[in-house]
Amino acid sequence: MKIYFYPKESDLNKRIDIFLSENMDKSRSGVQNLIKNNKVFANDKIVKANYKITNENLEIIVEEEEPKDIKVVPQDIPLDLLYEDEDVLIVNKPKGMVVHPAPGHPDNTLVNAVLYHCKGELPGINGEIRPGIVHRIDQNTTGSLVIAKTEKALNSLAEQFKSHSITREYVAIVIDNIKEDEGTIETTIGRSLNDRKKMSINVRNGRDAITHFKVLERFGEYTYVSCRLETGRTHQIRVHMASIKHPVLGDVEYGPKKSPIKNLQGQTLHARVLGFIHPTTGKYIEVSAPLPEYFEKLLNKFRKK
């Protein structure tokens, strides 16, 4: 688990162990132990306890172990399977399901369901809480997600995600009318300086993020779009569409605090297409996840208007 920190002007010339002990629920000796075990980075470089913060343009990352009190157990939860063989499993994740256990979501996650489906046999090199998990989609985003069933598959898929060679196309309903038929949003994305739970464009030490969008239908107050990811940053589509004043409908984090449509329970965003090179056969595989019922109903409602 990675935790991100961004120093302010008042933090200049502080030792990093002092800075972190002031900003984490840890003693200074606890922070020093993390540093000793090479778990603290400044701009991706390992630091020592006597490292001083000399400028504000730092992204400090602390790697902490997953919580020990979460025990991941197989649970008999139905899965909507899009594809499966001996190496990979692709599911159509429903709205509201968390991908892997975490504080506040100890069970009833996709991992619990997949463990049951695979009879508990999944590669554990991503840790006990994320067995076989190569990528994630948000709790209230639906659609296609691939799980590795072998270590070979996990390593192959991880490399493809890292090199951005995976095909990832989403569809979304966004607020207001987009005048352009298509476009590209290119910024950097990183942790918000004001709220570490959120992402923001063009922040210090943000990473390159590119989204290509295309208008599928216009409804006046709303626009139905497809978005193809060239990169895969956290909340990328949600952040990018909000940055051009067209937040995803129902996204109360990056859009209006109150959704204009009742009972949406999160953003109207669906991972429709997922494509990659199969880790064993070397052939290209592509699946398309059907839209969830609530999404189809919304589109039909807007079309009738």
Protein backbone atom coordinates (compact mmCIF):
# COMPACT_ATOMS: atom_id res chain seq x y z
CA MET A 1 0.00 0.00 0.00
CA LYS A 2 1.46 3.35 -1.05
CA ILE A 3 0.84 6.61 0.83
CA TYR A 4 1.68 9.93 -0.81
CA PHE A 5 2.86 13.16 0.82
CA TYR A 6 3.61 16.60 -0.61
CA PRO A 7 5.66 19.01 1.52
CA LYS A 8 4.81 22.70 1.86
CA GLU A 9 7.07 25.72 2.13
CA SER A 10 6.95 25.42 5.93
CA ASP A 11 8.46 21.91 5.63
CA LEU A 12 11.65 23.06 3.90
CA ASN A 13 14.90 21.95 5.59
CA LYS A 14 13.10 19.40 7.78
CA ARG A 15 14.52 15.92 8.07
CA ILE A 16 12.24 13.51 6.29
CA ASP A 17 11.75 11.33 9.39
CA ILE A 18 10.51 14.37 11.33
CA PHE A 19 8.23 15.44 8.46
CA LEU A 20 6.66 11.97 8.19
CA SER A 21 6.22 11.53 11.95
CA GLU A 22 4.30 14.83 11.91
CA ASN A 23 2.09 13.70 9.04
CA MET A 24 1.58 10.01 9.81
CA ASP A 25 0.11 8.15 12.73
CA LYS A 26 3.57 6.86 13.60
CA SER A 27 6.37 7.66 16.04
CA ARG A 28 9.67 8.96 14.74
CA SER A 29 11.28 5.59 15.48
CA GLY A 30 8.47 3.89 13.52
CA VAL A 31 9.17 6.14 10.55
CA GLN A 32 12.91 5.49 10.84
CA ASN A 33 12.21 1.77 10.73
CA LEU A 34 10.33 2.24 7.44
CA ILE A 35 13.27 4.24 6.07
CA LYS A 36 15.74 1.59 7.24
CA ASN A 37 13.76 -1.03 5.28
CA ASN A 38 13.85 1.10 2.11
CA LYS A 39 10.13 1.88 2.24
CA VAL A 40 10.39 5.67 1.82
CA PHE A 41 11.02 7.42 -1.50
CA ALA A 42 11.44 11.02 -2.61
CA ASN A 43 10.72 11.43 -6.33
CA ASP A 44 11.09 7.64 -6.72
CA LYS A 45 14.52 7.54 -5.02
CA ILE A 46 15.13 5.69 -1.75
CA VAL A 47 16.06 8.08 1.08
CA LYS A 48 17.84 7.85 4.41
CA ALA A 49 16.65 9.20 7.77
CA ASN A 50 18.88 12.27 7.57
CA TYR A 51 17.49 13.27 4.15
CA LYS A 52 16.34 16.90 4.23
CA ILE A 53 13.46 18.39 2.30
CA THR A 54 15.12 21.10 0.23
CA ASN A 55 12.30 22.03 -2.15
CA GLU A 56 8.53 21.82 -2.47
CA ASN A 57 8.62 19.89 -5.74
CA LEU A 58 8.75 16.53 -4.02
CA GLU A 59 6.46 13.54 -4.08
CA ILE A 60 7.23 11.50 -0.99
CA ILE A 61 5.97 7.92 -1.09
CA VAL A 62 5.77 5.58 1.87
CA GLU A 63 5.21 1.88 1.24
CA GLU A 64 3.39 0.21 4.09
CA GLU A 65 2.45 -3.43 4.44
CA GLU A 66 -1.15 -4.42 3.93
CA PRO A 67 -3.21 -4.51 7.14
CA LYS A 68 -2.63 -7.81 8.94
CA ASP A 69 -6.14 -8.04 10.34
CA ILE A 70 -7.78 -8.62 6.95
CA LYS A 71 -8.10 -12.31 6.15
CA VAL A 72 -9.11 -12.99 2.57
CA VAL A 73 -11.46 -15.96 2.25
CA PRO A 74 -13.29 -17.43 -0.76
CA GLN A 75 -16.95 -16.38 -0.92
CA ASP A 76 -19.67 -17.79 -3.12
CA ILE A 77 -20.51 -14.57 -4.98
CA PRO A 78 -21.87 -14.83 -8.56
CA LEU A 79 -19.49 -13.67 -11.30
CA ASP A 80 -20.42 -12.40 -14.77
CA LEU A 81 -17.71 -14.15 -16.82
CA LEU A 82 -16.67 -12.65 -20.16
CA TYR A 83 -13.79 -15.04 -20.84
CA GLU A 84 -11.83 -17.78 -19.07
CA ASP A 85 -9.03 -20.24 -19.80
CA GLU A 86 -6.19 -21.79 -17.82
CA ASP A 87 -4.25 -18.50 -17.68
CA VAL A 88 -6.70 -15.63 -17.38
CA LEU A 89 -10.19 -14.78 -16.22
CA ILE A 90 -12.09 -11.72 -17.44
CA VAL A 91 -15.15 -10.58 -15.52
CA ASN A 92 -17.79 -7.91 -15.96
CA LYS A 93 -17.58 -6.17 -12.58
CA PRO A 94 -20.89 -4.89 -11.23
CA LYS A 95 -21.49 -1.46 -9.74
CA GLY A 96 -20.74 -1.18 -6.04
CA MET A 97 -18.26 -4.07 -5.87
CA VAL A 98 -14.77 -3.30 -4.53
CA VAL A 99 -11.95 -5.10 -6.35
CA HIS A 100 -9.92 -6.26 -3.34
CA PRO A 101 -10.29 -6.19 0.47
CA ALA A 102 -9.24 -3.03 2.30
CA PRO A 103 -10.10 -1.30 5.57
CA GLY A 104 -13.85 -0.71 5.48
CA HIS A 105 -14.30 -3.43 2.82
CA PRO A 106 -12.96 -6.65 4.40
CA ASP A 107 -15.09 -9.03 2.32
CA ASN A 108 -17.66 -9.38 -0.48
CA THR A 109 -15.05 -8.10 -2.92
CA LEU A 110 -14.16 -9.30 -6.40
CA VAL A 111 -11.12 -11.09 -4.96
CA ASN A 112 -13.32 -13.05 -2.53
CA ALA A 113 -15.55 -14.10 -5.43
CA VAL A 114 -12.65 -15.03 -7.72
CA LEU A 115 -10.95 -17.06 -4.97
CA TYR A 116 -14.12 -19.14 -4.63
CA HIS A 117 -14.45 -19.52 -8.40
CA CYS A 118 -10.81 -20.61 -8.74
CA LYS A 119 -10.99 -22.83 -5.64
CA GLY A 120 -8.49 -20.65 -3.80
CA GLU A 121 -5.75 -21.13 -6.39
CA LEU A 122 -4.46 -17.75 -7.55
CA PRO A 123 -0.91 -16.39 -7.81
CA GLY A 124 -0.02 -14.56 -4.61
CA ILE A 125 2.93 -12.51 -5.81
CA ASN A 126 0.80 -9.37 -5.56
CA GLY A 127 0.18 -10.11 -1.89
CA GLU A 128 -2.54 -11.99 -0.04
CA ILE A 129 -5.06 -9.19 -0.51
CA ARG A 130 -4.51 -8.79 -4.28
CA PRO A 131 -3.95 -12.31 -5.62
CA GLY A 132 -4.00 -12.30 -9.41
CA ILE A 133 -5.02 -8.64 -9.57
CA VAL A 134 -3.18 -6.68 -12.26
CA HIS A 135 -5.38 -3.59 -12.48
CA ARG A 136 -8.44 -2.11 -10.80
CA ILE A 137 -11.54 -0.15 -11.65
CA ASP A 138 -13.34 2.02 -9.11
CA GLN A 139 -16.04 0.62 -6.86
CA ASN A 140 -18.84 2.37 -8.75
CA THR A 141 -17.37 1.83 -12.22
CA THR A 142 -18.60 -1.27 -14.03
CA GLY A 143 -17.12 -3.42 -16.74
CA SER A 144 -14.29 -5.62 -17.93
CA LEU A 145 -11.43 -6.55 -15.61
CA VAL A 146 -8.81 -9.26 -16.14
CA ILE A 147 -7.42 -11.50 -13.39
CA ALA A 148 -4.28 -13.60 -13.81
CA LYS A 149 -4.62 -17.27 -12.82
CA THR A 150 -0.89 -18.06 -13.06
CA GLU A 151 2.30 -16.23 -12.18
CA LYS A 152 3.33 -16.28 -15.84
CA ALA A 153 0.07 -14.59 -16.82
CA LEU A 154 0.35 -12.05 -14.01
CA ASN A 155 3.87 -11.03 -15.06
CA SER A 156 2.92 -10.81 -18.73
CA LEU A 157 -0.18 -8.71 -18.10
CA ALA A 158 1.64 -6.46 -15.62
CA GLU A 159 4.27 -5.72 -18.27
CA GLN A 160 1.59 -4.94 -20.87
CA PHE A 161 -0.16 -2.55 -18.50
CA LYS A 162 3.17 -0.92 -17.67
CA SER A 163 3.97 -0.36 -21.36
CA HIS A 164 0.39 0.89 -22.02
CA SER A 165 -0.11 -1.67 -24.80
CA ILE A 166 -3.44 -2.84 -23.34
CA THR A 167 -6.60 -1.75 -25.19
CA ARG A 168 -8.90 -0.03 -22.69
CA GLU A 169 -12.04 1.68 -23.92
CA TYR A 170 -14.69 3.06 -21.58
CA VAL A 171 -18.08 4.61 -22.20
CA ALA A 172 -19.53 7.35 -20.03
CA ILE A 173 -22.40 9.79 -19.81
CA VAL A 174 -21.01 13.23 -19.04
CA ILE A 175 -22.70 16.45 -18.03
CA ASP A 176 -23.52 19.13 -20.65
CA ASN A 177 -23.11 19.10 -24.41
CA ILE A 178 -19.64 18.48 -25.84
CA LYS A 179 -19.39 20.52 -29.03
CA GLU A 180 -16.40 18.70 -30.54
CA ASP A 181 -17.02 15.30 -32.14
CA GLU A 182 -13.76 13.98 -30.71
CA GLY A 183 -10.65 15.15 -28.95
CA THR A 184 -7.60 14.32 -26.87
CA ILE A 185 -6.95 15.40 -23.30
CA GLU A 186 -3.26 15.43 -22.42
CA THR A 187 -2.12 16.57 -18.97
CA THR A 188 -0.24 15.20 -16.01
CA ILE A 189 -2.18 13.60 -13.16
CA GLY A 190 -1.07 13.23 -9.56
CA ARG A 191 -2.34 13.35 -5.99
CA SER A 192 -4.25 16.52 -5.16
CA LEU A 193 -2.34 18.81 -2.83
CA ASN A 194 -5.58 19.65 -1.02
CA ASP A 195 -7.08 16.17 -0.69
CA ARG A 196 -4.86 13.07 -0.86
CA LYS A 197 -7.85 10.86 -1.67
CA LYS A 198 -8.39 12.72 -4.94
CA MET A 199 -6.34 13.17 -8.09
CA SER A 200 -5.71 16.40 -9.94
CA ILE A 201 -4.23 17.59 -13.23
CA ASN A 202 -0.92 19.42 -13.58
CA VAL A 203 0.20 19.01 -9.98
CA ARG A 204 3.84 18.85 -8.97
CA ASN A 205 5.32 15.49 -9.88
CA GLY A 206 2.20 14.41 -11.75
CA ARG A 207 2.60 11.71 -14.40
CA ASP A 208 1.70 11.98 -18.09
CA ALA A 209 -1.92 11.10 -18.80
CA ILE A 210 -3.61 10.91 -22.23
CA THR A 211 -7.28 10.24 -22.91
CA HIS A 212 -8.89 10.16 -26.36
CA PHE A 213 -12.64 10.79 -26.36
CA LYS A 214 -15.31 10.52 -29.04
CA VAL A 215 -18.93 11.65 -28.91
CA LEU A 216 -21.39 8.80 -29.47
CA GLU A 217 -24.68 10.62 -28.85
CA ARG A 218 -25.80 14.06 -27.68
CA PHE A 219 -28.80 14.66 -25.42
CA GLY A 220 -28.51 18.41 -24.79
CA GLU A 221 -27.90 18.34 -21.04
CA TYR A 222 -25.75 15.21 -21.33
CA THR A 223 -23.35 13.59 -23.81
CA TYR A 224 -22.65 9.90 -24.32
CA VAL A 225 -18.95 9.39 -25.05
CA SER A 226 -16.35 6.70 -25.50
CA CYS A 227 -12.92 7.20 -23.93
CA ARG A 228 -9.79 5.32 -24.94
CA LEU A 229 -6.97 5.33 -22.45
CA GLU A 230 -3.43 5.78 -23.76
CA THR A 231 -2.20 5.77 -20.16
CA GLY A 232 -3.77 4.36 -17.01
CA ARG A 233 -3.62 6.84 -14.14
CA THR A 234 -5.86 6.63 -11.09
CA HIS A 235 -9.32 8.15 -11.84
CA GLN A 236 -7.96 9.26 -15.23
CA ILE A 237 -11.22 9.53 -17.18
CA ARG A 238 -13.08 11.09 -14.26
CA VAL A 239 -10.35 13.68 -13.71
CA HIS A 240 -9.86 14.42 -17.41
CA MET A 241 -13.54 14.86 -18.24
CA ALA A 242 -13.97 17.13 -15.22
CA SER A 243 -10.96 19.15 -16.37
CA ILE A 244 -12.77 20.09 -19.61
CA LYS A 245 -15.94 21.00 -17.68
CA HIS A 246 -17.79 17.79 -18.58
CA PRO A 247 -17.63 15.64 -15.42
CA VAL A 248 -18.99 12.12 -15.52
CA LEU A 249 -22.66 12.03 -14.51
CA GLY A 250 -23.01 10.90 -10.90
CA ASP A 251 -19.37 11.59 -9.99
CA VAL A 252 -19.74 13.58 -6.77
CA GLU A 253 -15.97 13.64 -6.18
CA TYR A 254 -15.01 15.45 -9.37
CA GLY A 255 -18.38 16.83 -10.47
CA PRO A 256 -21.39 18.41 -8.74
CA LYS A 257 -21.64 17.41 -5.08
CA LYS A 258 -25.22 16.32 -5.70
CA SER A 259 -25.99 14.22 -8.76
CA PRO A 260 -28.71 15.69 -11.05
CA ILE A 261 -30.08 12.14 -11.48
CA LYS A 262 -31.37 10.42 -8.33
CA ASN A 263 -30.15 7.03 -7.06
CA LEU A 264 -27.18 6.71 -9.41
CA GLN A 265 -24.82 5.57 -6.64
CA GLY A 266 -21.67 6.83 -8.29
CA GLN A 267 -20.32 7.74 -11.70
CA THR A 268 -21.90 6.56 -14.95
CA LEU A 269 -18.74 4.96 -16.28
CA HIS A 270 -18.31 1.52 -17.85
CA ALA A 271 -15.14 -0.33 -18.94
CA ARG A 272 -16.53 -1.68 -22.19
CA VAL A 273 -13.55 -3.02 -24.17
CA LEU A 274 -10.43 -4.76 -22.88
CA GLY A 275 -7.79 -6.21 -25.18
CA PHE A 276 -4.33 -7.71 -24.64
CA ILE A 277 -1.82 -10.26 -25.91
CA HIS A 278 -2.51 -13.66 -24.38
CA PRO A 279 0.43 -14.61 -22.10
CA THR A 280 0.65 -18.17 -23.47
CA THR A 281 -0.68 -18.20 -27.04
CA GLY A 282 0.70 -14.78 -28.02
CA LYS A 283 -2.59 -14.02 -29.78
CA TYR A 284 -4.57 -10.84 -29.28
CA ILE A 285 -7.72 -11.25 -27.15
CA GLU A 286 -10.44 -8.62 -26.93
CA VAL A 287 -13.69 -8.71 -24.98
CA SER A 288 -16.60 -6.31 -24.78
CA ALA A 289 -18.66 -6.01 -21.61
CA PRO A 290 -22.38 -5.29 -22.16
CA LEU A 291 -23.74 -2.16 -20.53
CA PRO A 292 -25.36 -2.62 -17.13
CA GLU A 293 -29.13 -2.32 -16.99
CA TYR A 294 -29.18 1.06 -15.19
CA PHE A 295 -26.90 2.54 -17.89
CA GLU A 296 -29.11 1.28 -20.74
CA LYS A 297 -32.22 2.65 -19.02
CA LEU A 298 -30.61 6.08 -18.66
CA LEU A 299 -29.65 6.17 -22.33
CA ASN A 300 -33.16 5.16 -23.39
CA LYS A 301 -34.63 7.80 -21.09
CA PHE A 302 -32.46 10.52 -22.63
CA ARG A 303 -33.20 9.31 -26.16
CA LYS A 304 -36.97 9.57 -25.57
CA LYS A 305 -36.56 13.17 -24.42
